[in-house]
Amino acid sequence: MTPQKAPTDQVDEQALEEAAPEPPEDLVLAATFATPSRDEWVAAVDEVLRRSGRVGEEAPLGAGVEKLAWATADGVTVQPLYTAADVAAAPRFAPSGERWDVRQHHAATTGSRLTSSYS
C-alpha cells in the first residue's frame, strides 16, 4: 500500500513564493511603543490580575508580580520580569572568570545511538 501525501506536500512552492509580499526595509513592530517603567509594568500586572480575581481589590502594589513568581525544584525564585538592572545585581554562582560546566545524562551509550533516537 502506497502512503498518501500529506496536504503540505501539495503546496505549489513557486506560486507561494510569487504571491509572497516583499519584506519591508525596516521591520519596526513594537519599537514604536513607549518602554514602560518597572512601576508602570507592575501596576499593569496588578490590574490584570485584579480583573481576573487572582489578587484582591485592596492588594498592595506588586501583589500581582508576587503571585506570578514561582520557585524551581531547588528553591530558586523565578520572577515574571527581569531587567538589565536585575541581571547586573544577580549573584554569580560561578566565581568571576570561571566557566560553567553544564552536563546532562543520556541513556544512549554512544552519540550515534543518541542522535538516531531523535531522527
C-alpha atoms as a PDB file:
ATOM      1  CA  MET A   1       0.000   0.000   0.000  1.00  0.00           C
ATOM      2  CA  THR A   2       1.403   3.384  -1.016  1.00  0.00           C
ATOM      3  CA  PRO A   3       1.260   6.064   1.689  1.00  0.00           C
ATOM      4  CA  GLN A   4      -0.839   9.084   0.773  1.00  0.00           C
ATOM      5  CA  LYS A   5       0.728  12.511   0.556  1.00  0.00           C
ATOM      6  CA  ALA A   6       0.008  14.901   3.371  1.00  0.00           C
ATOM      7  CA  PRO A   7      -1.711  18.152   2.284  1.00  0.00           C
ATOM      8  CA  THR A   8       1.524  20.080   2.942  1.00  0.00           C
ATOM      9  CA  ASP A   9       3.244  18.009   0.254  1.00  0.00           C
ATOM     10  CA  GLN A  10       0.836  19.513  -2.281  1.00  0.00           C
ATOM     11  CA  VAL A  11       1.862  23.156  -1.806  1.00  0.00           C
ATOM     12  CA  ASP A  12       2.930  24.868  -5.009  1.00  0.00           C
ATOM     13  CA  GLU A  13       6.199  26.375  -3.724  1.00  0.00           C
ATOM     14  CA  GLN A  14       6.693  28.571  -6.801  1.00  0.00           C
ATOM     15  CA  ALA A  15       3.169  30.041  -6.616  1.00  0.00           C
ATOM     16  CA  LEU A  16       3.602  30.633  -2.896  1.00  0.00           C
ATOM     17  CA  GLU A  17       6.904  32.427  -3.459  1.00  0.00           C
ATOM     18  CA  GLU A  18       5.460  34.581  -6.266  1.00  0.00           C
ATOM     19  CA  ALA A  19       2.438  35.582  -4.151  1.00  0.00           C
ATOM     20  CA  ALA A  20       4.501  36.496  -1.087  1.00  0.00           C
ATOM     21  CA  PRO A  21       4.761  40.242  -0.393  1.00  0.00           C
ATOM     22  CA  GLU A  22       8.136  41.933  -0.434  1.00  0.00           C
ATOM     23  CA  PRO A  23       9.651  42.164   3.053  1.00  0.00           C
ATOM     24  CA  PRO A  24       9.748  45.718   4.440  1.00  0.00           C
ATOM     25  CA  GLU A  25      13.101  47.518   4.581  1.00  0.00           C
ATOM     26  CA  ASP A  26      12.711  48.276   8.287  1.00  0.00           C
ATOM     27  CA  LEU A  27      10.587  45.974  10.384  1.00  0.00           C
ATOM     28  CA  VAL A  28       9.559  48.107  13.357  1.00  0.00           C
ATOM     29  CA  LEU A  29       6.877  46.062  15.213  1.00  0.00           C
ATOM     30  CA  ALA A  30       6.877  47.039  18.900  1.00  0.00           C
ATOM     31  CA  ALA A  31       9.673  49.597  18.577  1.00  0.00           C
ATOM     32  CA  THR A  32       7.057  52.339  18.221  1.00  0.00           C
ATOM     33  CA  PHE A  33       5.618  51.670  21.685  1.00  0.00           C
ATOM     34  CA  ALA A  34       6.971  53.568  24.672  1.00  0.00           C
ATOM     35  CA  THR A  35       9.025  51.456  27.068  1.00  0.00           C
ATOM     36  CA  PRO A  36       7.153  51.272  30.375  1.00  0.00           C
ATOM     37  CA  SER A  37       8.965  51.841  33.640  1.00  0.00           C
ATOM     38  CA  ARG A  38       9.106  48.932  36.078  1.00  0.00           C
ATOM     39  CA  ASP A  39       6.451  50.642  38.246  1.00  0.00           C
ATOM     40  CA  GLU A  40       4.124  51.014  35.243  1.00  0.00           C
ATOM     41  CA  TRP A  41       4.630  47.355  34.360  1.00  0.00           C
ATOM     42  CA  VAL A  42       3.966  46.242  37.959  1.00  0.00           C
ATOM     43  CA  ALA A  43       0.789  48.359  38.056  1.00  0.00           C
ATOM     44  CA  ALA A  44      -0.401  46.831  34.763  1.00  0.00           C
ATOM     45  CA  VAL A  45       0.227  43.285  36.055  1.00  0.00           C
ATOM     46  CA  ASP A  46      -1.678  44.097  39.254  1.00  0.00           C
ATOM     47  CA  GLU A  47      -4.610  45.474  37.250  1.00  0.00           C
ATOM     48  CA  VAL A  48      -4.848  42.404  35.011  1.00  0.00           C
ATOM     49  CA  LEU A  49      -4.707  40.044  37.977  1.00  0.00           C
ATOM     50  CA  ARG A  50      -7.278  42.154  39.863  1.00  0.00           C
ATOM     51  CA  ARG A  51      -9.671  41.896  36.915  1.00  0.00           C
ATOM     52  CA  SER A  52      -9.159  38.138  36.774  1.00  0.00           C
ATOM     53  CA  GLY A  53      -9.755  37.801  40.516  1.00  0.00           C
ATOM     54  CA  ARG A  54      -6.286  36.414  41.254  1.00  0.00           C
ATOM     55  CA  VAL A  55      -5.484  39.328  43.596  1.00  0.00           C
ATOM     56  CA  GLY A  56      -7.902  41.324  45.734  1.00  0.00           C
ATOM     57  CA  GLU A  57      -9.043  44.871  45.072  1.00  0.00           C
ATOM     58  CA  GLU A  58      -7.142  46.141  48.123  1.00  0.00           C
ATOM     59  CA  ALA A  59      -3.919  44.213  47.415  1.00  0.00           C
ATOM     60  CA  PRO A  60      -0.744  46.317  47.702  1.00  0.00           C
ATOM     61  CA  LEU A  61       1.276  47.386  44.659  1.00  0.00           C
ATOM     62  CA  GLY A  62       3.301  44.408  43.443  1.00  0.00           C
ATOM     63  CA  ALA A  63       0.918  41.707  44.711  1.00  0.00           C
ATOM     64  CA  GLY A  64       0.337  40.563  41.129  1.00  0.00           C
ATOM     65  CA  VAL A  65       4.037  40.187  40.453  1.00  0.00           C
ATOM     66  CA  GLU A  66       4.410  38.167  43.664  1.00  0.00           C
ATOM     67  CA  LYS A  67       1.538  35.957  42.501  1.00  0.00           C
ATOM     68  CA  LEU A  68       3.298  35.262  39.193  1.00  0.00           C
ATOM     69  CA  ALA A  69       6.665  34.408  40.780  1.00  0.00           C
ATOM     70  CA  TRP A  70       7.405  30.701  41.219  1.00  0.00           C
ATOM     71  CA  ALA A  71      10.153  28.531  42.673  1.00  0.00           C
ATOM     72  CA  THR A  72      12.210  25.881  40.924  1.00  0.00           C
ATOM     73  CA  ALA A  73      12.649  22.416  42.411  1.00  0.00           C
ATOM     74  CA  ASP A  74      15.863  23.556  44.058  1.00  0.00           C
ATOM     75  CA  GLY A  75      14.258  26.631  45.622  1.00  0.00           C
ATOM     76  CA  VAL A  76      15.348  29.393  43.240  1.00  0.00           C
ATOM     77  CA  THR A  77      12.605  32.023  42.890  1.00  0.00           C
ATOM     78  CA  VAL A  78      11.856  32.942  39.267  1.00  0.00           C
ATOM     79  CA  GLN A  79      10.327  36.384  38.803  1.00  0.00           C
ATOM     80  CA  PRO A  80       7.966  37.153  35.891  1.00  0.00           C
ATOM     81  CA  LEU A  81      10.141  40.066  34.715  1.00  0.00           C
ATOM     82  CA  TYR A  82      13.856  40.717  34.783  1.00  0.00           C
ATOM     83  CA  THR A  83      15.549  43.921  33.665  1.00  0.00           C
ATOM     84  CA  ALA A  84      19.167  44.743  32.919  1.00  0.00           C
ATOM     85  CA  ALA A  85      19.445  46.133  36.473  1.00  0.00           C
ATOM     86  CA  ASP A  86      18.255  42.797  37.901  1.00  0.00           C
ATOM     87  CA  VAL A  87      20.832  40.897  35.881  1.00  0.00           C
ATOM     88  CA  ALA A  88      23.649  43.228  36.962  1.00  0.00           C
ATOM     89  CA  ALA A  89      22.689  42.736  40.630  1.00  0.00           C
ATOM     90  CA  ALA A  90      22.221  38.949  40.362  1.00  0.00           C
ATOM     91  CA  PRO A  91      24.580  36.769  42.386  1.00  0.00           C
ATOM     92  CA  ARG A  92      27.169  34.864  40.438  1.00  0.00           C
ATOM     93  CA  PHE A  93      27.210  31.169  41.223  1.00  0.00           C
ATOM     94  CA  ALA A  94      30.451  30.513  39.379  1.00  0.00           C
ATOM     95  CA  PRO A  95      33.411  32.598  40.598  1.00  0.00           C
ATOM     96  CA  SER A  96      34.208  35.500  38.314  1.00  0.00           C
ATOM     97  CA  GLY A  97      36.201  34.424  35.283  1.00  0.00           C
ATOM     98  CA  GLU A  98      35.417  30.715  35.645  1.00  0.00           C
ATOM     99  CA  ARG A  99      33.364  28.829  33.093  1.00  0.00           C
ATOM    100  CA  TRP A 100      30.163  26.899  33.693  1.00  0.00           C
ATOM    101  CA  ASP A 101      30.210  23.172  33.069  1.00  0.00           C
ATOM    102  CA  VAL A 102      26.662  22.061  32.261  1.00  0.00           C
ATOM    103  CA  ARG A 103      26.042  18.368  31.600  1.00  0.00           C
ATOM    104  CA  GLN A 104      23.091  16.097  31.021  1.00  0.00           C
ATOM    105  CA  HIS A 105      22.899  12.318  31.337  1.00  0.00           C
ATOM    106  CA  HIS A 106      21.526  10.409  28.336  1.00  0.00           C
ATOM    107  CA  ALA A 107      20.528   6.753  28.349  1.00  0.00           C
ATOM    108  CA  ALA A 108      22.152   6.108  24.956  1.00  0.00           C
ATOM    109  CA  THR A 109      25.643   4.629  25.189  1.00  0.00           C
ATOM    110  CA  THR A 110      27.030   6.288  22.048  1.00  0.00           C
ATOM    111  CA  GLY A 111      26.494   9.571  20.274  1.00  0.00           C
ATOM    112  CA  SER A 112      25.229   7.837  17.127  1.00  0.00           C
ATOM    113  CA  ARG A 113      22.572   5.969  19.132  1.00  0.00           C
ATOM    114  CA  LEU A 114      21.527   9.194  20.782  1.00  0.00           C
ATOM    115  CA  THR A 115      21.154  11.121  17.521  1.00  0.00           C
ATOM    116  CA  SER A 116      19.401   8.227  15.784  1.00  0.00           C
ATOM    117  CA  SER A 117      16.736   8.224  18.507  1.00  0.00           C
ATOM    118  CA  TYR A 118      15.793  11.803  17.516  1.00  0.00           C
ATOM    119  CA  SER A 119      15.569  11.247  13.757  1.00  0.00           C
END
